[in-house]
Amino acid sequence: MKAVSRKPYAFTLIELLVVIAVIAVLAALLLPALSQAKEKARRAKCVSNLKQVALGFKTFALDHDDFYPWHTEPIRGGTYGPAAGQGWKNYLAASNELGSPQILVCPSDRATKITVADWSEFSQLTNRNSALSYFTGLDGYEQIPVTLLAGDRNIGGAEASDCESVDATGVPAQELKGGNTAIWPTIRLPSSAVAADQGSAAPGLRFFSVPGLVAATAVIWSPD
C-alpha cells in the first residue's frame, strides 16, 4: 500500500484574524487591571514614604521641645523664618531623623524628576525641588493632634495668602480656606501620627510648603 502523505496544517487568513482579535480583547481586559495594580503598589510606597517622614519629624520634635523644624529657630537647627516656606529646607533640617532623601519621592509624581543618593546631593541648587514630592505642614504642631505634617502635591484650589505661623512678617503662601469648593480632593485626616497621601489634610491645618513652586511658598488650610 502506498503511504498517504499529509500536508502540514496552516492557519487560514480568517482563523488568523480571529486569533488576533481574541488576543486584542484579552489584552484590553487585562492591561487596565495590571495598570491599576501597579498604581496601587506605587500608592502604597508613597504612603510608606509619608509615614517615615511623619515619624522623622516627630523624632525631631522630641529633641526640640515638641516643635518641628519650621517652628524651631535656625540657631537650634530649625527653619523658623522665611526659610520655612521652602519645603526642601524643612526636610534638610530633619535629615538625621529622616535617614535618606529617597523617601521624599512619590513614585507616581511625574513632577519629581530626580532621585538623589544623599543629602548633600539633595541640597544642590538643581535638585532641591526636583527631588522632592512632598510639602510640609507649616501649621503642624506636636501639641495639636489633628494637624498635618506632610503630603503630596495632588491638591488644588488654593488661594494666594501669607503664613505668619513661621515668620512674623509672613511667608508667601497658598491658602486652602474652609468653604472653598474649588479645593480638591476632599480634605480629611484622622490623626497627626500619620502623614496624608493624596493631599489629605484636616481642620486646623493652615500652612504647608509646596515643592517646585516659588522659593518661599506654603499652603494654608483654615477651617470655617
C-alpha atoms as a PDB file:
ATOM      1  CA  MET A   1       0.000   0.000   0.000  1.00  0.00           C
ATOM      2  CA  LYS A   2       1.115   3.478  -0.724  1.00  0.00           C
ATOM      3  CA  ALA A   3       1.634   5.784   2.256  1.00  0.00           C
ATOM      4  CA  VAL A   4      -0.818   8.651   2.380  1.00  0.00           C
ATOM      5  CA  SER A   5       1.038  11.956   2.510  1.00  0.00           C
ATOM      6  CA  ARG A   6      -0.445  14.675   4.658  1.00  0.00           C
ATOM      7  CA  LYS A   7       0.153  18.303   4.007  1.00  0.00           C
ATOM      8  CA  PRO A   8       1.129  20.375   7.071  1.00  0.00           C
ATOM      9  CA  TYR A   9      -1.834  22.273   8.508  1.00  0.00           C
ATOM     10  CA  ALA A  10      -1.701  26.080   8.366  1.00  0.00           C
ATOM     11  CA  PHE A  11      -3.984  28.853   9.609  1.00  0.00           C
ATOM     12  CA  THR A  12      -6.280  30.370   7.091  1.00  0.00           C
ATOM     13  CA  LEU A  13      -6.465  34.160   6.960  1.00  0.00           C
ATOM     14  CA  ILE A  14      -9.830  34.177   8.731  1.00  0.00           C
ATOM     15  CA  GLU A  15      -8.553  31.949  11.547  1.00  0.00           C
ATOM     16  CA  LEU A  16      -5.508  34.178  11.977  1.00  0.00           C
ATOM     17  CA  LEU A  17      -7.695  37.277  12.212  1.00  0.00           C
ATOM     18  CA  VAL A  18      -9.901  35.554  14.806  1.00  0.00           C
ATOM     19  CA  VAL A  19      -6.857  34.674  16.946  1.00  0.00           C
ATOM     20  CA  ILE A  20      -5.573  38.257  16.723  1.00  0.00           C
ATOM     21  CA  ALA A  21      -8.999  39.600  17.702  1.00  0.00           C
ATOM     22  CA  VAL A  22      -9.178  37.279  20.739  1.00  0.00           C
ATOM     23  CA  ILE A  23      -5.697  38.361  21.865  1.00  0.00           C
ATOM     24  CA  ALA A  24      -6.660  42.017  21.455  1.00  0.00           C
ATOM     25  CA  VAL A  25      -9.803  41.545  23.569  1.00  0.00           C
ATOM     26  CA  LEU A  26      -7.862  39.743  26.312  1.00  0.00           C
ATOM     27  CA  ALA A  27      -5.219  42.476  26.316  1.00  0.00           C
ATOM     28  CA  ALA A  28      -7.907  45.158  26.576  1.00  0.00           C
ATOM     29  CA  LEU A  29      -9.364  43.358  29.603  1.00  0.00           C
ATOM     30  CA  LEU A  30      -6.096  42.580  31.380  1.00  0.00           C
ATOM     31  CA  LEU A  31      -3.945  45.678  30.800  1.00  0.00           C
ATOM     32  CA  PRO A  32      -6.174  48.077  32.812  1.00  0.00           C
ATOM     33  CA  ALA A  33      -6.152  45.633  35.727  1.00  0.00           C
ATOM     34  CA  LEU A  34      -2.362  45.383  35.573  1.00  0.00           C
ATOM     35  CA  SER A  35      -2.084  49.153  35.388  1.00  0.00           C
ATOM     36  CA  GLN A  36      -4.332  49.568  38.427  1.00  0.00           C
ATOM     37  CA  ALA A  37      -2.290  47.016  40.351  1.00  0.00           C
ATOM     38  CA  LYS A  38       0.921  48.913  39.576  1.00  0.00           C
ATOM     39  CA  GLU A  39      -0.634  52.204  40.649  1.00  0.00           C
ATOM     40  CA  LYS A  40      -1.835  50.656  43.924  1.00  0.00           C
ATOM     41  CA  ALA A  41       1.720  49.475  44.556  1.00  0.00           C
ATOM     42  CA  ARG A  42       3.045  52.977  43.880  1.00  0.00           C
ATOM     43  CA  ARG A  43       0.469  54.496  46.235  1.00  0.00           C
ATOM     44  CA  ALA A  44       1.418  52.015  48.929  1.00  0.00           C
ATOM     45  CA  LYS A  45       5.039  53.078  48.511  1.00  0.00           C
ATOM     46  CA  CYS A  46       4.019  56.745  48.742  1.00  0.00           C
ATOM     47  CA  VAL A  47       2.076  56.112  51.959  1.00  0.00           C
ATOM     48  CA  SER A  48       5.068  54.249  53.381  1.00  0.00           C
ATOM     49  CA  ASN A  49       7.328  57.195  52.494  1.00  0.00           C
ATOM     50  CA  LEU A  50       4.995  59.661  54.181  1.00  0.00           C
ATOM     51  CA  LYS A  51       4.775  57.510  57.300  1.00  0.00           C
ATOM     52  CA  GLN A  52       8.574  57.589  57.536  1.00  0.00           C
ATOM     53  CA  VAL A  53       8.506  61.358  57.008  1.00  0.00           C
ATOM     54  CA  ALA A  54       5.966  61.791  59.820  1.00  0.00           C
ATOM     55  CA  LEU A  55       7.988  59.602  62.179  1.00  0.00           C
ATOM     56  CA  GLY A  56      11.149  61.541  61.284  1.00  0.00           C
ATOM     57  CA  PHE A  57       9.547  64.882  62.057  1.00  0.00           C
ATOM     58  CA  LYS A  58       8.094  63.577  65.310  1.00  0.00           C
ATOM     59  CA  THR A  59      11.543  62.318  66.301  1.00  0.00           C
ATOM     60  CA  PHE A  60      12.936  65.776  65.525  1.00  0.00           C
ATOM     61  CA  ALA A  61      10.252  67.294  67.768  1.00  0.00           C
ATOM     62  CA  LEU A  62      11.254  65.035  70.674  1.00  0.00           C
ATOM     63  CA  ASP A  63      14.681  66.688  70.687  1.00  0.00           C
ATOM     64  CA  HIS A  64      13.389  70.241  70.134  1.00  0.00           C
ATOM     65  CA  ASP A  65      10.780  70.900  72.832  1.00  0.00           C
ATOM     66  CA  ASP A  66       7.994  69.302  70.758  1.00  0.00           C
ATOM     67  CA  PHE A  67       8.483  71.660  67.817  1.00  0.00           C
ATOM     68  CA  TYR A  68       9.004  70.693  64.193  1.00  0.00           C
ATOM     69  CA  PRO A  69      11.752  72.296  62.060  1.00  0.00           C
ATOM     70  CA  TRP A  70       9.537  75.148  60.812  1.00  0.00           C
ATOM     71  CA  HIS A  71       8.826  76.261  64.399  1.00  0.00           C
ATOM     72  CA  THR A  72      12.418  75.815  65.592  1.00  0.00           C
ATOM     73  CA  GLU A  73      14.949  78.657  65.490  1.00  0.00           C
ATOM     74  CA  PRO A  74      17.759  78.264  62.929  1.00  0.00           C
ATOM     75  CA  ILE A  75      20.339  78.509  65.729  1.00  0.00           C
ATOM     76  CA  ARG A  76      18.867  75.240  67.078  1.00  0.00           C
ATOM     77  CA  GLY A  77      18.814  73.527  63.699  1.00  0.00           C
ATOM     78  CA  GLY A  78      15.355  74.618  62.553  1.00  0.00           C
ATOM     79  CA  THR A  79      13.993  76.780  59.735  1.00  0.00           C
ATOM     80  CA  TYR A  80      11.740  79.257  61.568  1.00  0.00           C
ATOM     81  CA  GLY A  81      11.558  82.403  59.443  1.00  0.00           C
ATOM     82  CA  PRO A  82      11.446  82.857  55.651  1.00  0.00           C
ATOM     83  CA  ALA A  83      13.326  79.569  55.127  1.00  0.00           C
ATOM     84  CA  ALA A  84      10.352  77.613  56.496  1.00  0.00           C
ATOM     85  CA  GLY A  85       8.418  78.399  53.339  1.00  0.00           C
ATOM     86  CA  GLN A  86      10.946  76.438  51.310  1.00  0.00           C
ATOM     87  CA  GLY A  87       9.933  72.831  51.745  1.00  0.00           C
ATOM     88  CA  TRP A  88      13.317  71.330  50.916  1.00  0.00           C
ATOM     89  CA  LYS A  89      14.915  73.231  53.822  1.00  0.00           C
ATOM     90  CA  ASN A  90      12.424  71.749  56.275  1.00  0.00           C
ATOM     91  CA  TYR A  91      13.363  68.256  55.155  1.00  0.00           C
ATOM     92  CA  LEU A  92      17.064  69.058  55.166  1.00  0.00           C
ATOM     93  CA  ALA A  93      16.774  70.297  58.764  1.00  0.00           C
ATOM     94  CA  ALA A  94      15.414  66.873  59.774  1.00  0.00           C
ATOM     95  CA  SER A  95      17.818  64.903  57.585  1.00  0.00           C
ATOM     96  CA  ASN A  96      19.315  62.999  60.530  1.00  0.00           C
ATOM     97  CA  GLU A  97      15.882  61.784  61.581  1.00  0.00           C
ATOM     98  CA  LEU A  98      14.626  61.061  58.047  1.00  0.00           C
ATOM     99  CA  GLY A  99      17.625  58.980  57.040  1.00  0.00           C
ATOM    100  CA  SER A 100      17.580  59.028  53.240  1.00  0.00           C
ATOM    101  CA  PRO A 101      16.251  61.723  50.870  1.00  0.00           C
ATOM    102  CA  GLN A 102      14.977  58.947  48.628  1.00  0.00           C
ATOM    103  CA  ILE A 103      11.858  58.640  50.804  1.00  0.00           C
ATOM    104  CA  LEU A 104      10.891  62.152  49.662  1.00  0.00           C
ATOM    105  CA  VAL A 105       9.996  60.940  46.177  1.00  0.00           C
ATOM    106  CA  CYS A 106       6.497  59.703  45.358  1.00  0.00           C
ATOM    107  CA  PRO A 107       6.638  57.001  42.642  1.00  0.00           C
ATOM    108  CA  SER A 108       3.528  58.460  40.972  1.00  0.00           C
ATOM    109  CA  ASP A 109       4.714  62.066  40.995  1.00  0.00           C
ATOM    110  CA  ARG A 110       5.768  62.949  37.451  1.00  0.00           C
ATOM    111  CA  ALA A 111       6.957  66.393  38.530  1.00  0.00           C
ATOM    112  CA  THR A 112       9.702  64.832  40.649  1.00  0.00           C
ATOM    113  CA  LYS A 113      12.405  64.336  38.058  1.00  0.00           C
ATOM    114  CA  ILE A 114      15.423  63.325  40.141  1.00  0.00           C
ATOM    115  CA  THR A 115      16.215  60.739  42.808  1.00  0.00           C
ATOM    116  CA  VAL A 116      19.301  61.688  44.796  1.00  0.00           C
ATOM    117  CA  ALA A 117      21.623  59.444  46.769  1.00  0.00           C
ATOM    118  CA  ASP A 118      22.350  61.617  49.818  1.00  0.00           C
ATOM    119  CA  TRP A 119      21.514  64.928  51.478  1.00  0.00           C
ATOM    120  CA  SER A 120      24.485  66.812  50.062  1.00  0.00           C
ATOM    121  CA  GLU A 121      23.211  65.976  46.586  1.00  0.00           C
ATOM    122  CA  PHE A 122      19.655  66.816  47.662  1.00  0.00           C
ATOM    123  CA  SER A 123      20.694  70.341  48.756  1.00  0.00           C
ATOM    124  CA  GLN A 124      22.274  71.214  45.413  1.00  0.00           C
ATOM    125  CA  LEU A 125      20.515  74.066  43.627  1.00  0.00           C
ATOM    126  CA  THR A 126      19.310  71.989  40.686  1.00  0.00           C
ATOM    127  CA  ASN A 127      17.993  69.158  42.884  1.00  0.00           C
ATOM    128  CA  ARG A 128      16.172  70.893  45.740  1.00  0.00           C
ATOM    129  CA  ASN A 129      12.665  70.805  44.304  1.00  0.00           C
ATOM    130  CA  SER A 130      13.307  68.303  41.529  1.00  0.00           C
ATOM    131  CA  ALA A 131      14.000  65.570  44.097  1.00  0.00           C
ATOM    132  CA  LEU A 132      11.071  66.407  46.400  1.00  0.00           C
ATOM    133  CA  SER A 133       7.437  65.318  46.033  1.00  0.00           C
ATOM    134  CA  TYR A 134       6.038  66.341  49.418  1.00  0.00           C
ATOM    135  CA  PHE A 135       5.019  69.513  51.210  1.00  0.00           C
ATOM    136  CA  THR A 136       5.370  70.211  54.937  1.00  0.00           C
ATOM    137  CA  GLY A 137       2.521  71.360  57.188  1.00  0.00           C
ATOM    138  CA  LEU A 138       3.672  74.733  58.489  1.00  0.00           C
ATOM    139  CA  ASP A 139       0.813  74.831  60.977  1.00  0.00           C
ATOM    140  CA  GLY A 140       1.637  71.338  62.163  1.00  0.00           C
ATOM    141  CA  TYR A 141       2.288  71.230  65.920  1.00  0.00           C
ATOM    142  CA  GLU A 142       3.113  68.223  68.071  1.00  0.00           C
ATOM    143  CA  GLN A 143       0.864  69.767  70.736  1.00  0.00           C
ATOM    144  CA  ILE A 144      -2.132  69.775  68.383  1.00  0.00           C
ATOM    145  CA  PRO A 145      -3.038  66.164  67.484  1.00  0.00           C
ATOM    146  CA  VAL A 146      -5.150  66.848  64.407  1.00  0.00           C
ATOM    147  CA  THR A 147      -2.643  68.678  62.234  1.00  0.00           C
ATOM    148  CA  LEU A 148      -0.937  67.632  59.025  1.00  0.00           C
ATOM    149  CA  LEU A 149       2.810  67.082  58.830  1.00  0.00           C
ATOM    150  CA  ALA A 150       3.321  66.222  55.175  1.00  0.00           C
ATOM    151  CA  GLY A 151       1.541  65.204  51.987  1.00  0.00           C
ATOM    152  CA  ASP A 152       1.946  65.051  48.238  1.00  0.00           C
ATOM    153  CA  ARG A 153       1.281  67.690  45.597  1.00  0.00           C
ATOM    154  CA  ASN A 154      -2.056  66.203  44.483  1.00  0.00           C
ATOM    155  CA  ILE A 155      -4.070  69.099  45.838  1.00  0.00           C
ATOM    156  CA  GLY A 156      -5.559  72.163  44.218  1.00  0.00           C
ATOM    157  CA  GLY A 157      -7.931  75.084  44.598  1.00  0.00           C
ATOM    158  CA  ALA A 158      -5.697  77.170  46.878  1.00  0.00           C
ATOM    159  CA  GLU A 159      -5.616  80.970  47.023  1.00  0.00           C
ATOM    160  CA  ALA A 160      -2.611  83.261  47.489  1.00  0.00           C
ATOM    161  CA  SER A 161      -2.013  84.373  51.093  1.00  0.00           C
ATOM    162  CA  ASP A 162       0.737  84.779  53.704  1.00  0.00           C
ATOM    163  CA  CYS A 163       1.779  82.496  56.548  1.00  0.00           C
ATOM    164  CA  GLU A 164       2.632  84.221  59.829  1.00  0.00           C
ATOM    165  CA  SER A 165       2.860  80.969  61.782  1.00  0.00           C
ATOM    166  CA  VAL A 166       6.514  80.520  60.828  1.00  0.00           C
ATOM    167  CA  ASP A 167       7.537  84.149  60.345  1.00  0.00           C
ATOM    168  CA  ALA A 168       6.221  87.329  61.945  1.00  0.00           C
ATOM    169  CA  THR A 169       6.312  89.186  58.628  1.00  0.00           C
ATOM    170  CA  GLY A 170       4.604  86.357  56.759  1.00  0.00           C
ATOM    171  CA  VAL A 171       5.745  83.827  54.171  1.00  0.00           C
ATOM    172  CA  PRO A 172       4.213  83.870  50.652  1.00  0.00           C
ATOM    173  CA  ALA A 173       1.648  81.098  50.648  1.00  0.00           C
ATOM    174  CA  GLN A 174      -1.389  79.451  49.143  1.00  0.00           C
ATOM    175  CA  GLU A 175      -4.476  79.221  51.319  1.00  0.00           C
ATOM    176  CA  LEU A 176      -6.911  76.328  51.497  1.00  0.00           C
ATOM    177  CA  LYS A 177      -9.796  78.043  53.216  1.00  0.00           C
ATOM    178  CA  GLY A 178     -12.828  76.293  54.646  1.00  0.00           C
ATOM    179  CA  GLY A 179     -15.860  76.652  52.391  1.00  0.00           C
ATOM    180  CA  ASN A 180     -13.753  76.914  49.233  1.00  0.00           C
ATOM    181  CA  THR A 181     -15.481  74.472  46.874  1.00  0.00           C
ATOM    182  CA  ALA A 182     -12.577  74.692  44.395  1.00  0.00           C
ATOM    183  CA  ILE A 183     -10.338  72.652  46.705  1.00  0.00           C
ATOM    184  CA  TRP A 184      -9.671  69.130  45.501  1.00  0.00           C
ATOM    185  CA  PRO A 185      -9.543  66.372  46.592  1.00  0.00           C
ATOM    186  CA  THR A 186     -11.763  66.292  49.705  1.00  0.00           C
ATOM    187  CA  ILE A 187      -9.569  67.069  52.705  1.00  0.00           C
ATOM    188  CA  ARG A 188      -9.586  64.594  55.592  1.00  0.00           C
ATOM    189  CA  LEU A 189      -7.159  63.356  58.230  1.00  0.00           C
ATOM    190  CA  PRO A 190      -7.801  61.052  61.189  1.00  0.00           C
ATOM    191  CA  SER A 191      -4.591  61.670  63.161  1.00  0.00           C
ATOM    192  CA  SER A 192      -1.395  63.711  63.160  1.00  0.00           C
ATOM    193  CA  ALA A 193       0.540  60.480  63.664  1.00  0.00           C
ATOM    194  CA  VAL A 194       0.015  59.541  60.017  1.00  0.00           C
ATOM    195  CA  ALA A 195       1.091  61.820  57.194  1.00  0.00           C
ATOM    196  CA  ALA A 196      -1.525  62.141  54.497  1.00  0.00           C
ATOM    197  CA  ASP A 197      -1.388  60.790  50.971  1.00  0.00           C
ATOM    198  CA  GLN A 198      -3.108  62.436  48.017  1.00  0.00           C
ATOM    199  CA  GLY A 199      -3.106  65.878  49.614  1.00  0.00           C
ATOM    200  CA  SER A 200      -5.226  64.971  52.608  1.00  0.00           C
ATOM    201  CA  ALA A 201      -5.476  67.494  55.410  1.00  0.00           C
ATOM    202  CA  ALA A 202      -7.608  68.321  58.423  1.00  0.00           C
ATOM    203  CA  PRO A 203      -9.421  71.195  60.087  1.00  0.00           C
ATOM    204  CA  GLY A 204      -6.796  73.196  61.923  1.00  0.00           C
ATOM    205  CA  LEU A 205      -4.142  72.851  59.234  1.00  0.00           C
ATOM    206  CA  ARG A 206      -3.338  76.254  57.790  1.00  0.00           C
ATOM    207  CA  PHE A 207       0.060  76.305  56.125  1.00  0.00           C
ATOM    208  CA  PHE A 208       2.227  73.861  54.269  1.00  0.00           C
ATOM    209  CA  SER A 209       5.214  74.330  51.979  1.00  0.00           C
ATOM    210  CA  VAL A 210       4.928  73.196  48.381  1.00  0.00           C
ATOM    211  CA  PRO A 211       7.829  71.753  46.350  1.00  0.00           C
ATOM    212  CA  GLY A 212       8.553  73.002  42.887  1.00  0.00           C
ATOM    213  CA  LEU A 213       6.964  76.438  43.178  1.00  0.00           C
ATOM    214  CA  VAL A 214       8.484  79.815  44.042  1.00  0.00           C
ATOM    215  CA  ALA A 215      11.297  79.924  46.585  1.00  0.00           C
ATOM    216  CA  ALA A 216       9.129  80.630  49.632  1.00  0.00           C
ATOM    217  CA  THR A 217       5.754  79.025  49.153  1.00  0.00           C
ATOM    218  CA  ALA A 218       3.339  77.488  51.599  1.00  0.00           C
ATOM    219  CA  VAL A 219      -0.254  76.346  51.561  1.00  0.00           C
ATOM    220  CA  ILE A 220      -2.735  77.308  54.249  1.00  0.00           C
ATOM    221  CA  TRP A 221      -5.775  75.409  55.474  1.00  0.00           C
ATOM    222  CA  SER A 222      -8.116  77.394  57.675  1.00  0.00           C
ATOM    223  CA  PRO A 223     -11.445  75.980  58.854  1.00  0.00           C
ATOM    224  CA  ASP A 224     -14.736  77.865  58.583  1.00  0.00           C
END
